[in-house]
N, C-alpha and C. Protein backbone atom coordinates (compact mmCIF):
# COMPACT_ATOMS: atom_id res chain seq x y z
N GLY A 1 97.70 88.05 105.07
CA GLY A 1 97.05 88.49 106.16
C GLY A 1 96.85 90.06 106.23
N GLY A 2 96.10 90.02 107.43
CA GLY A 2 95.93 91.90 107.21
C GLY A 2 97.27 92.57 108.17
N GLY A 3 97.73 91.61 108.41
CA GLY A 3 99.30 92.42 109.59
C GLY A 3 100.38 92.31 109.03
N GLN A 4 100.15 91.99 108.04
CA GLN A 4 101.58 91.96 106.64
C GLN A 4 102.28 93.58 106.68
N LEU A 5 103.23 93.26 106.60
CA LEU A 5 103.73 95.14 105.72
C LEU A 5 103.74 95.02 104.68
N VAL A 6 102.83 95.95 104.43
CA VAL A 6 103.37 96.78 102.97
C VAL A 6 104.48 97.20 102.62
N LYS A 7 105.18 96.50 101.50
CA LYS A 7 106.56 97.25 101.34
C LYS A 7 106.29 98.62 100.32
N LYS A 8 107.38 99.18 100.37
CA LYS A 8 107.27 100.56 99.59
C LYS A 8 107.94 100.03 98.01
N CYS A 9 107.54 100.41 97.37
CA CYS A 9 107.94 100.48 95.58
C CYS A 9 109.27 101.13 95.97
N TYR A 10 110.39 100.69 94.98
CA TYR A 10 111.34 101.86 94.72
C TYR A 10 111.73 101.35 93.16
N PRO A 11 112.23 102.78 93.05
CA PRO A 11 112.11 102.92 91.13
C PRO A 11 113.05 101.85 90.29
N SER A 12 114.32 101.23 90.89
CA SER A 12 114.79 100.40 90.05
C SER A 12 114.03 98.77 90.11
N GLN A 13 113.20 98.70 91.24
CA GLN A 13 112.94 97.38 91.11
C GLN A 13 112.21 96.25 90.24
N TRP A 14 111.48 96.91 89.23
CA TRP A 14 111.08 95.77 88.09
C TRP A 14 111.91 96.47 86.73
N LYS A 15 112.88 97.31 86.68
CA LYS A 15 113.03 98.31 85.77
C LYS A 15 113.07 97.44 84.39
N ASP A 16 113.59 96.15 84.63
CA ASP A 16 114.00 95.03 83.43
C ASP A 16 113.16 94.18 83.27
N VAL A 17 111.12 93.95 83.48
CA VAL A 17 110.21 93.79 83.19
C VAL A 17 109.12 94.69 82.97
N ASP A 18 108.51 94.23 81.66
CA ASP A 18 107.41 94.59 81.73
C ASP A 18 105.70 95.17 82.37
N SER A 19 106.09 93.59 83.13
CA SER A 19 105.00 92.96 84.07
C SER A 19 105.17 92.05 84.94
N ILE A 20 104.49 91.91 86.10
CA ILE A 20 104.68 91.19 87.00
C ILE A 20 103.39 90.55 87.51
N GLN A 21 103.50 89.34 87.30
CA GLN A 21 102.08 88.63 87.95
C GLN A 21 101.80 88.48 89.46
N ALA A 22 100.66 88.98 89.98
CA ALA A 22 100.43 89.17 91.48
C ALA A 22 99.21 88.68 91.55
N THR A 23 99.20 88.64 92.97
CA THR A 23 97.63 88.33 93.51
C THR A 23 97.18 89.35 94.38
N VAL A 24 95.65 89.27 94.11
CA VAL A 24 94.82 90.49 94.81
C VAL A 24 94.98 90.19 96.22
N GLU A 25 95.16 90.93 97.18
CA GLU A 25 94.96 90.78 98.48
C GLU A 25 94.01 91.31 99.27
N ARG A 26 93.96 92.91 98.54
CA ARG A 26 92.26 93.34 98.79
C ARG A 26 92.30 94.82 98.11
N VAL A 27 90.58 95.43 98.14
CA VAL A 27 90.90 96.52 97.35
C VAL A 27 90.95 98.01 98.29
N VAL A 28 91.53 98.79 98.04
CA VAL A 28 91.59 99.86 98.77
C VAL A 28 90.28 100.74 98.66
N ASP A 29 90.54 101.22 97.41
CA ASP A 29 89.68 102.11 96.92
C ASP A 29 89.17 101.67 95.33
N GLY A 30 88.92 102.69 94.39
CA GLY A 30 88.45 102.36 92.89
C GLY A 30 89.28 102.59 92.01
N ASP A 31 90.60 102.88 92.97
CA ASP A 31 91.79 102.85 91.78
C ASP A 31 93.16 102.25 92.57
N THR A 32 93.03 101.97 93.91
CA THR A 32 93.70 101.39 94.60
C THR A 32 93.78 100.13 95.25
N ILE A 33 94.88 98.97 94.75
CA ILE A 33 94.85 97.62 95.40
C ILE A 33 95.92 97.00 96.18
N ARG A 34 95.99 96.40 97.08
CA ARG A 34 97.22 95.65 97.47
C ARG A 34 96.80 94.45 97.22
N PHE A 35 98.43 94.14 96.59
CA PHE A 35 98.62 93.29 95.92
C PHE A 35 99.67 91.81 96.33
N SER A 36 100.06 90.64 96.46
CA SER A 36 101.13 90.02 96.95
C SER A 36 101.94 89.45 95.57
N TYR A 37 102.97 89.54 96.08
CA TYR A 37 104.23 89.17 95.02
C TYR A 37 105.47 88.63 95.55
N LYS A 38 105.60 87.61 95.66
CA LYS A 38 106.65 86.89 96.02
C LYS A 38 106.42 86.76 97.56
N GLY A 39 105.44 86.80 97.92
CA GLY A 39 105.35 87.08 99.42
C GLY A 39 105.33 88.43 100.24
N LYS A 40 105.43 89.22 99.26
CA LYS A 40 105.39 90.45 100.02
C LYS A 40 104.53 91.34 99.37
N ILE A 41 103.81 92.07 100.47
CA ILE A 41 102.51 92.99 99.90
C ILE A 41 102.97 94.47 99.65
N TYR A 42 102.40 95.05 98.36
CA TYR A 42 102.49 96.34 97.68
C TYR A 42 100.95 96.81 97.64
N ASN A 43 101.28 97.99 97.54
CA ASN A 43 100.55 98.44 96.98
C ASN A 43 99.96 99.13 95.71
N THR A 44 98.98 98.96 95.06
CA THR A 44 99.40 99.38 93.41
C THR A 44 98.16 100.73 93.38
N ARG A 45 98.76 101.56 92.82
CA ARG A 45 97.76 102.74 92.01
C ARG A 45 97.49 103.21 90.76
N PHE A 46 96.53 102.77 90.53
CA PHE A 46 96.22 102.34 89.03
C PHE A 46 96.60 103.28 88.16
N LEU A 47 97.04 103.01 87.05
CA LEU A 47 97.63 104.25 86.28
C LEU A 47 97.00 104.88 85.04
N SER A 48 96.76 106.14 85.00
CA SER A 48 96.05 106.91 83.66
C SER A 48 94.41 106.60 84.17
N ILE A 49 94.10 106.47 85.93
CA ILE A 49 92.50 106.68 85.54
C ILE A 49 92.40 107.20 87.18
N ASP A 50 90.68 107.85 87.53
CA ASP A 50 91.45 108.85 88.83
C ASP A 50 89.55 107.77 89.06
N THR A 51 89.32 107.65 90.25
CA THR A 51 87.64 107.50 90.91
C THR A 51 87.48 108.09 92.13
N GLY A 52 86.52 108.30 92.39
CA GLY A 52 86.03 109.44 93.39
C GLY A 52 86.77 108.74 94.72
N GLU A 53 86.89 109.67 95.34
CA GLU A 53 87.57 109.52 96.85
C GLU A 53 86.78 109.28 97.99
N THR A 54 87.39 108.02 98.74
CA THR A 54 86.47 107.69 100.16
C THR A 54 87.16 108.15 101.42
N HIS A 55 88.89 108.25 101.08
CA HIS A 55 88.91 108.82 102.27
C HIS A 55 90.88 109.20 102.10
N PHE A 56 89.94 110.75 101.51
CA PHE A 56 91.37 111.48 101.33
C PHE A 56 91.06 113.21 102.01
N LEU A 57 92.46 112.70 103.41
CA LEU A 57 92.49 113.96 104.21
C LEU A 57 91.19 113.68 105.33
N GLY A 58 90.76 112.58 105.33
CA GLY A 58 89.50 112.25 106.05
C GLY A 58 88.16 112.79 105.38
N LYS A 59 88.37 113.15 104.41
CA LYS A 59 86.81 113.66 103.80
C LYS A 59 86.63 112.57 102.47
N SER A 60 85.19 112.20 102.20
CA SER A 60 85.13 110.98 101.10
C SER A 60 84.14 111.89 100.08
N GLN A 61 84.07 111.67 98.79
CA GLN A 61 83.20 112.28 98.03
C GLN A 61 82.05 111.04 97.70
N GLY A 62 81.98 110.75 98.76
CA GLY A 62 80.36 109.90 99.00
C GLY A 62 79.87 108.92 97.68
N TYR A 63 78.96 108.87 97.40
CA TYR A 63 78.36 107.70 96.59
C TYR A 63 79.16 106.94 95.38
N TRP A 64 79.80 108.07 94.53
CA TRP A 64 80.98 107.35 93.81
C TRP A 64 82.19 107.07 93.85
N GLY A 65 82.34 107.40 94.84
CA GLY A 65 83.79 107.07 95.46
C GLY A 65 83.58 105.36 96.14
N GLU A 66 82.57 105.28 97.00
CA GLU A 66 82.50 103.81 97.39
C GLU A 66 81.62 103.37 96.17
N GLN A 67 80.60 103.62 95.21
CA GLN A 67 80.31 102.84 94.18
C GLN A 67 81.51 101.83 92.83
N ALA A 68 82.65 102.96 92.71
CA ALA A 68 84.29 102.39 92.22
C ALA A 68 84.70 101.51 92.67
N ALA A 69 84.92 102.00 94.55
CA ALA A 69 85.42 100.75 95.36
C ALA A 69 84.53 99.34 95.03
N LYS A 70 83.21 99.43 95.34
CA LYS A 70 82.66 98.21 95.19
C LYS A 70 82.81 97.59 93.91
N ASN A 71 82.69 97.94 92.82
CA ASN A 71 82.58 97.91 91.55
C ASN A 71 84.26 96.97 91.25
N LEU A 72 85.11 97.47 91.44
CA LEU A 72 86.32 97.01 91.91
C LEU A 72 86.31 95.43 92.74
N GLU A 73 85.81 95.41 93.56
CA GLU A 73 85.77 94.55 94.40
C GLU A 73 85.25 93.42 93.64
N LYS A 74 83.94 93.95 92.90
CA LYS A 74 83.70 92.53 91.72
C LYS A 74 84.56 92.23 90.75
N LEU A 75 85.17 93.22 90.39
CA LEU A 75 85.48 92.91 89.40
C LEU A 75 87.32 91.97 89.75
N LEU A 76 87.36 91.81 91.02
CA LEU A 76 89.10 91.61 91.58
C LEU A 76 88.77 91.28 93.31
N PRO A 77 87.62 90.06 92.96
CA PRO A 77 87.76 89.43 94.47
C PRO A 77 89.11 89.08 94.94
N VAL A 78 89.34 89.05 96.47
CA VAL A 78 90.42 88.77 97.20
C VAL A 78 91.00 87.47 96.50
N GLY A 79 92.25 87.04 96.20
CA GLY A 79 93.11 85.83 95.83
C GLY A 79 93.08 86.11 93.87
N THR A 80 92.44 86.95 93.25
CA THR A 80 92.26 86.51 92.05
C THR A 80 93.66 87.43 91.29
N LYS A 81 94.38 86.83 90.23
CA LYS A 81 95.74 86.30 89.68
C LYS A 81 95.73 87.71 88.93
N VAL A 82 96.40 88.53 88.93
CA VAL A 82 96.32 89.71 87.72
C VAL A 82 97.82 89.64 87.19
N ARG A 83 98.09 90.56 86.28
CA ARG A 83 99.15 91.10 85.67
C ARG A 83 99.26 92.34 85.75
N ILE A 84 100.47 92.83 85.97
CA ILE A 84 100.66 94.24 86.56
C ILE A 84 101.45 94.51 85.42
N GLU A 85 101.00 95.75 84.42
CA GLU A 85 101.50 96.25 83.46
C GLU A 85 102.12 97.39 83.88
N PHE A 86 103.46 97.48 83.79
CA PHE A 86 104.16 98.54 83.89
C PHE A 86 104.45 99.94 82.80
N GLU A 87 104.44 100.88 83.23
CA GLU A 87 104.96 102.25 82.14
C GLU A 87 106.41 102.21 82.89
N SER A 88 107.08 103.77 81.96
CA SER A 88 108.33 104.07 82.60
C SER A 88 108.57 104.91 83.85
N GLU A 89 107.29 104.66 84.37
CA GLU A 89 107.49 105.32 85.72
C GLU A 89 106.76 103.71 86.91
N ARG A 90 107.39 103.26 87.64
CA ARG A 90 106.79 101.76 88.45
C ARG A 90 106.38 102.92 89.36
N CYS A 91 107.10 103.47 90.61
CA CYS A 91 106.12 103.98 91.50
C CYS A 91 106.04 105.73 91.83
N ASP A 92 104.97 105.54 92.60
CA ASP A 92 104.87 107.05 92.96
C ASP A 92 105.59 107.42 93.76
N LYS A 93 105.59 108.89 94.43
CA LYS A 93 106.32 109.38 95.28
C LYS A 93 105.95 108.80 96.68
N TYR A 94 104.74 108.08 96.81
CA TYR A 94 104.08 107.69 97.90
C TYR A 94 104.68 105.97 98.16
N GLY A 95 105.51 105.52 97.28
CA GLY A 95 105.97 104.29 97.46
C GLY A 95 104.85 103.01 97.07
N ARG A 96 103.48 103.83 95.92
CA ARG A 96 103.25 102.37 95.54
C ARG A 96 103.36 102.36 94.32
N VAL A 97 103.12 100.86 93.87
CA VAL A 97 103.60 100.51 92.46
C VAL A 97 101.98 101.12 91.37
N LEU A 98 102.76 101.76 90.52
CA LEU A 98 101.86 102.16 89.65
C LEU A 98 102.06 101.07 88.14
N GLY A 99 100.46 100.88 87.87
CA GLY A 99 100.55 100.05 86.74
C GLY A 99 98.81 99.71 86.38
N HIS A 100 99.01 98.83 84.59
CA HIS A 100 97.58 98.81 84.65
C HIS A 100 97.38 97.19 85.37
N VAL A 101 96.24 97.14 85.56
CA VAL A 101 96.41 95.82 86.42
C VAL A 101 95.07 95.04 85.10
N TRP A 102 95.48 93.67 84.90
CA TRP A 102 94.91 93.01 84.17
C TRP A 102 94.57 91.62 84.65
N LYS A 103 93.27 91.29 84.11
CA LYS A 103 92.71 90.05 85.06
C LYS A 103 92.62 89.15 83.67
N GLY A 104 93.41 88.63 83.14
CA GLY A 104 92.84 87.42 82.13
C GLY A 104 93.55 88.55 80.90
N LYS A 105 92.29 88.48 79.64
CA LYS A 105 92.51 89.50 78.39
C LYS A 105 91.89 90.83 78.87
N THR A 106 91.49 90.92 80.40
CA THR A 106 90.82 92.42 80.70
C THR A 106 91.52 93.31 81.28
N ASN A 107 91.62 94.67 80.62
CA ASN A 107 92.19 95.73 81.30
C ASN A 107 91.15 96.35 82.16
N ILE A 108 91.78 96.12 83.62
CA ILE A 108 90.79 96.37 84.95
C ILE A 108 90.69 97.97 85.16
N ASN A 109 91.86 98.87 84.59
CA ASN A 109 91.69 100.39 84.42
C ASN A 109 90.76 100.71 83.89
N LEU A 110 90.81 99.74 82.43
CA LEU A 110 89.96 100.48 81.38
C LEU A 110 88.74 99.99 81.87
N GLN A 111 88.12 98.78 81.94
CA GLN A 111 87.18 98.37 82.49
C GLN A 111 86.31 99.28 84.09
N GLN A 112 87.28 100.15 84.68
CA GLN A 112 86.53 101.01 85.36
C GLN A 112 85.96 102.21 84.59
N ILE A 113 86.30 102.75 83.65
CA ILE A 113 85.69 103.51 83.09
C ILE A 113 84.98 103.10 82.32
N VAL A 114 85.04 101.94 81.74
CA VAL A 114 83.98 101.45 80.85
C VAL A 114 82.43 101.01 81.58
N ASP A 115 82.80 101.03 83.09
CA ASP A 115 81.73 100.42 84.08
C ASP A 115 81.01 101.99 84.55
N GLY A 116 81.76 103.15 84.21
CA GLY A 116 81.46 104.34 84.54
C GLY A 116 81.49 105.06 85.81
N MET A 117 82.72 104.17 86.15
CA MET A 117 83.13 104.78 87.66
C MET A 117 84.32 105.19 87.91
N ALA A 118 84.89 105.78 86.47
CA ALA A 118 86.45 106.22 86.37
C ALA A 118 86.25 107.39 85.56
N VAL A 119 87.53 108.48 86.17
CA VAL A 119 87.61 109.10 84.66
C VAL A 119 89.27 109.24 84.59
N ASN A 120 89.83 109.33 82.83
CA ASN A 120 90.98 109.02 82.45
C ASN A 120 91.71 110.44 83.67
N TYR A 121 92.90 109.61 83.73
CA TYR A 121 93.95 110.61 84.13
C TYR A 121 95.37 110.56 84.12
N CYS A 122 95.77 110.71 82.90
CA CYS A 122 97.09 110.53 82.48
C CYS A 122 98.27 111.60 82.93
N ILE A 123 99.02 110.90 83.37
CA ILE A 123 100.19 111.78 83.87
C ILE A 123 101.33 111.68 83.15
N PHE A 124 102.47 112.21 82.14
CA PHE A 124 103.31 112.52 81.52
C PHE A 124 104.37 111.72 82.39
N PRO A 125 105.22 110.83 82.38
CA PRO A 125 105.25 110.04 80.69
C PRO A 125 104.45 108.44 80.95
N ASN A 126 103.72 108.73 81.62
CA ASN A 126 102.91 107.54 81.33
C ASN A 126 101.56 107.24 80.34
N THR A 127 102.06 107.52 79.16
CA THR A 127 100.81 107.84 78.44
C THR A 127 100.53 106.72 77.72
N LYS A 128 100.74 105.30 77.84
CA LYS A 128 100.64 104.34 76.92
C LYS A 128 99.19 104.16 76.80
N HIS A 129 98.47 103.77 77.14
CA HIS A 129 96.84 104.09 77.40
C HIS A 129 95.73 105.32 77.02
N CYS A 130 96.66 106.09 77.22
CA CYS A 130 95.82 107.25 77.56
C CYS A 130 94.86 107.48 76.22
N ALA A 131 94.86 107.48 74.81
CA ALA A 131 94.09 107.52 74.00
C ALA A 131 92.88 106.60 73.90
N GLU A 132 93.50 105.44 74.52
CA GLU A 132 92.23 104.80 74.43
C GLU A 132 91.08 104.94 75.71
N TYR A 133 91.83 105.28 77.04
CA TYR A 133 90.73 105.35 78.08
C TYR A 133 90.09 106.64 77.88
N GLY A 134 90.81 107.73 77.61
CA GLY A 134 90.29 109.04 76.88
C GLY A 134 88.81 108.42 76.16
N ALA A 135 89.16 108.01 75.12
CA ALA A 135 87.99 107.54 74.04
C ALA A 135 86.97 106.83 75.00
N ALA A 136 87.18 106.16 75.78
CA ALA A 136 85.85 105.31 76.54
C ALA A 136 85.47 106.55 77.62
N VAL A 137 85.90 106.98 77.98
CA VAL A 137 85.50 108.54 78.73
C VAL A 137 84.47 109.40 77.61
N GLU A 138 84.82 109.76 76.59
CA GLU A 138 84.24 110.59 75.74
C GLU A 138 82.68 109.73 75.42
N LYS A 139 82.67 108.31 75.37
CA LYS A 139 81.40 107.77 75.08
C LYS A 139 80.83 107.77 76.39
N ASN A 140 81.40 107.89 77.59
CA ASN A 140 80.65 107.73 78.59
C ASN A 140 79.60 109.43 78.96
N ILE A 141 80.72 110.47 78.57
CA ILE A 141 80.18 111.76 78.43
C ILE A 141 79.08 111.75 77.82
N ARG A 142 79.29 110.99 76.03
CA ARG A 142 78.00 111.41 75.31
C ARG A 142 76.48 110.63 75.80
N ASN A 143 77.34 109.29 76.25
CA ASN A 143 76.05 108.81 76.95
C ASN A 143 75.28 109.11 78.21
N LYS A 144 76.31 110.39 79.00
CA LYS A 144 75.59 110.44 80.37
C LYS A 144 75.47 109.09 81.25
N LYS A 145 76.37 108.60 81.09
CA LYS A 145 76.85 107.40 81.96
C LYS A 145 77.71 106.96 83.57
N GLY A 146 77.05 106.40 84.48
CA GLY A 146 78.46 106.42 85.67
C GLY A 146 78.34 108.14 86.00
N VAL A 147 79.96 108.43 86.18
CA VAL A 147 79.83 109.47 87.08
C VAL A 147 79.57 110.36 86.39
N PHE A 148 79.39 110.30 84.98
CA PHE A 148 78.76 111.56 83.84
C PHE A 148 77.47 111.63 84.13
N SER A 149 76.62 110.71 84.40
CA SER A 149 75.24 110.70 84.92
C SER A 149 74.57 111.73 85.45
N ASP A 150 76.19 112.16 86.50
CA ASP A 150 75.53 113.13 87.88
C ASP A 150 76.06 114.38 87.77
N PRO A 151 75.58 115.74 87.66
CA PRO A 151 76.02 117.19 87.12
C PRO A 151 76.69 117.18 88.17
N GLY A 152 76.56 116.83 89.29
CA GLY A 152 77.41 117.23 90.73
C GLY A 152 78.48 116.82 91.29
N PHE A 153 78.98 115.62 90.44
CA PHE A 153 80.40 114.71 90.22
C PHE A 153 81.26 116.03 89.95
N GLU A 154 82.43 115.76 90.72
CA GLU A 154 83.06 116.57 90.64
C GLU A 154 85.02 115.75 90.06
N LEU A 155 85.43 116.34 89.14
CA LEU A 155 86.65 115.12 88.54
C LEU A 155 87.46 115.15 90.08
N PRO A 156 87.56 113.73 90.36
CA PRO A 156 88.62 113.59 91.87
C PRO A 156 90.05 114.64 91.76
N TYR A 157 90.76 114.36 90.72
CA TYR A 157 92.05 115.33 90.63
C TYR A 157 91.38 116.98 91.04
N GLU A 158 90.68 117.24 90.27
CA GLU A 158 89.99 118.80 91.14
C GLU A 158 89.52 118.61 92.25
N TRP A 159 88.45 117.53 92.56
CA TRP A 159 88.36 117.53 94.21
C TRP A 159 89.55 117.63 94.96
N ARG A 160 90.54 116.73 94.90
CA ARG A 160 91.38 116.79 95.72
C ARG A 160 92.22 118.16 96.10
N ARG A 161 92.45 118.42 95.06
CA ARG A 161 93.11 119.88 94.83
C ARG A 161 92.68 121.31 95.78
N LEU A 162 91.01 120.92 95.71
CA LEU A 162 90.21 122.01 96.51
C LEU A 162 90.20 121.50 97.46
N THR A 163 90.03 120.30 97.83
CA THR A 163 90.01 119.75 99.03
C THR A 163 91.00 120.27 100.02
N SER A 164 92.36 119.93 99.90
CA SER A 164 93.75 120.18 100.30
C SER A 164 94.02 121.70 100.19
N ASN A 165 93.12 122.63 99.60
CA ASN A 165 93.79 123.76 99.38
C ASN A 165 94.65 124.31 98.28
N ARG A 166 95.40 123.75 97.37
CA ARG A 166 96.22 123.80 96.28
C ARG A 166 95.80 124.57 95.39
N PRO A 167 96.93 125.10 95.14
CA PRO A 167 97.04 126.08 93.76
C PRO A 167 97.10 125.22 92.59
N HIS A 168 96.40 125.61 91.43
CA HIS A 168 96.65 124.79 90.27
C HIS A 168 98.40 124.24 89.97
N GLU A 169 99.13 122.96 90.23
CA GLU A 169 100.10 122.94 89.78
C GLU A 169 100.49 122.28 88.70
N LYS A 170 99.94 121.65 88.21
CA LYS A 170 100.09 121.13 86.74
C LYS A 170 99.79 121.66 85.51
N TYR A 171 100.84 121.30 84.72
CA TYR A 171 100.80 121.67 83.30
C TYR A 171 99.41 120.94 82.76
N ILE A 172 98.59 121.24 81.77
CA ILE A 172 97.64 120.43 81.04
C ILE A 172 98.34 120.36 79.78
N GLY A 173 98.58 119.17 79.27
CA GLY A 173 98.37 118.74 77.80
C GLY A 173 97.61 118.51 77.08
N ASP A 174 97.15 118.28 75.61
CA ASP A 174 96.09 117.96 74.80
C ASP A 174 96.95 116.75 74.20
N ILE A 175 96.29 115.09 74.32
CA ILE A 175 96.70 114.23 73.34
C ILE A 175 96.88 114.61 72.02
N GLU A 176 96.07 115.23 71.67
CA GLU A 176 95.84 115.20 70.26
C GLU A 176 96.26 116.11 69.44
N THR A 177 96.42 117.56 70.05
CA THR A 177 96.99 118.77 69.19
C THR A 177 98.57 118.70 70.03
N HIS A 178 98.92 118.15 71.03
CA HIS A 178 100.13 118.30 71.96
C HIS A 178 100.93 119.25 72.24
N TYR A 179 99.65 120.74 72.01
CA TYR A 179 99.92 121.75 73.07
C TYR A 179 99.85 121.97 74.30
N VAL A 180 100.29 122.28 75.08
CA VAL A 180 100.52 122.45 76.52
C VAL A 180 100.13 123.75 77.01
N TYR A 181 99.34 123.67 77.90
CA TYR A 181 98.88 125.09 78.29
C TYR A 181 99.59 125.30 80.10
N GLN A 182 99.53 126.38 80.70
CA GLN A 182 99.66 126.72 82.03
C GLN A 182 98.83 126.31 83.19
N PRO A 183 99.19 125.93 84.18
CA PRO A 183 98.38 125.32 85.24
C PRO A 183 97.18 126.12 85.68
N GLY A 184 95.76 125.76 85.41
CA GLY A 184 94.74 126.21 85.58
C GLY A 184 94.12 126.44 84.24
N SER A 185 94.45 125.58 83.35
CA SER A 185 94.04 125.94 81.79
C SER A 185 92.69 124.93 81.48
N LEU A 186 92.53 124.33 82.61
CA LEU A 186 91.35 123.24 82.40
C LEU A 186 90.57 123.64 80.89
N ASP A 187 90.16 124.24 81.17
CA ASP A 187 89.06 124.53 80.40
C ASP A 187 89.23 124.50 79.05
N ARG A 188 91.05 124.71 78.68
CA ARG A 188 91.64 124.76 77.39
C ARG A 188 91.40 123.08 76.68
N VAL A 189 91.08 122.28 77.46
CA VAL A 189 91.26 120.67 76.80
C VAL A 189 90.30 120.19 77.28
N GLU A 190 89.30 119.01 76.44
CA GLU A 190 88.57 118.68 76.81
C GLU A 190 88.91 117.63 77.65
N ILE A 191 88.13 116.91 78.94
CA ILE A 191 88.10 115.58 79.84
C ILE A 191 89.04 114.76 79.20
N PRO A 192 88.48 114.01 77.96
CA PRO A 192 89.08 112.59 77.58
C PRO A 192 90.34 113.00 76.83
N GLU A 193 90.96 114.27 76.43
CA GLU A 193 92.27 114.69 75.59
C GLU A 193 93.37 115.04 76.81
N ARG A 194 92.87 115.25 78.09
CA ARG A 194 93.88 115.84 78.81
C ARG A 194 95.40 114.67 79.49
N VAL A 195 96.16 115.65 79.25
CA VAL A 195 97.02 115.20 79.83
C VAL A 195 97.87 115.64 80.97
N PHE A 196 98.29 115.18 81.88
CA PHE A 196 99.33 116.48 83.02
C PHE A 196 100.85 116.30 83.05
N PHE A 197 101.21 117.21 83.38
CA PHE A 197 102.48 117.09 83.34
C PHE A 197 103.31 117.98 84.82
N MET A 198 103.76 117.29 85.62
CA MET A 198 104.12 117.75 86.81
C MET A 198 105.02 119.15 86.56
N ASP A 199 105.53 119.40 85.84
CA ASP A 199 106.63 120.51 85.90
C ASP A 199 107.13 121.01 84.37
N SER A 200 107.38 122.30 83.98
CA SER A 200 107.32 122.50 82.69
C SER A 200 108.61 121.86 82.08
N GLN A 201 109.70 121.32 82.96
CA GLN A 201 111.00 120.81 82.70
C GLN A 201 110.43 119.36 82.05
N ASP A 202 109.17 118.89 82.12
CA ASP A 202 108.65 117.44 81.91
C ASP A 202 108.21 117.50 80.63
N VAL A 203 107.76 118.40 80.03
CA VAL A 203 107.12 119.02 79.03
C VAL A 203 108.34 118.58 77.70
N ALA A 204 108.14 117.23 76.99
CA ALA A 204 108.80 116.69 76.07
C ALA A 204 108.23 116.66 74.96
N PRO A 205 108.83 116.77 73.38
CA PRO A 205 108.72 116.39 72.31
C PRO A 205 107.59 114.84 72.20
N PRO A 206 106.65 114.65 71.46
CA PRO A 206 105.98 115.41 70.55
C PRO A 206 105.53 117.15 71.40
N TYR A 207 105.01 116.76 72.86
CA TYR A 207 104.65 118.05 73.22
C TYR A 207 105.50 119.62 73.20
N HIS A 208 104.70 120.59 73.42
CA HIS A 208 105.32 121.61 73.74
C HIS A 208 104.32 122.38 74.43
N ILE A 209 105.00 123.51 75.10
CA ILE A 209 104.09 124.78 75.88
C ILE A 209 103.63 125.79 74.62
N SER A 210 102.29 125.76 74.93
CA SER A 210 101.61 126.97 73.90
C SER A 210 101.82 128.15 74.57
N GLU A 211 102.04 128.99 73.30
CA GLU A 211 102.04 130.69 74.27
C GLU A 211 100.80 131.06 74.35
């Protein structure tokens, strides 16, 4: 029920498994759900995608954020059995589980992109599905589908940065060339090829910082 305490994910929790079977408790927004696993409730942030914000610092991106959440509710009704696929980082700094959410053979992270509701948002070292998600975004850009049909749509990661008055902090890499550029060099890398690094220390082969 709604009164249950949400558990925080801790990094060593599922270190020996590649995925867990869970049950959807509710959709929080277009890229976050709450699931239950062995009687405990967790929040999951979908890896490598980003959807419009509905409640960030008391602000909303409006239409596309709401559409993304509605679409996810259709894809993952309460009670849906899902498999949460992990990468090397199991949790984020907020204690949310990080994963790719599968319903049967459907990758729901990818489906949110295919449906035009999400953009790719890869953060190293979690790069397993980056090329696949990027290719789906590229197609949407080409076909002006979903969020890319709206010239006023701001990439959620940029919108959050501007809304919270933060400078550019993440290094930006290209998944095809493996070059990494200084924070703020978004225009050096096309949207579908972007991969972010929190820190220059995180840049590891085959990636290398471009002079």
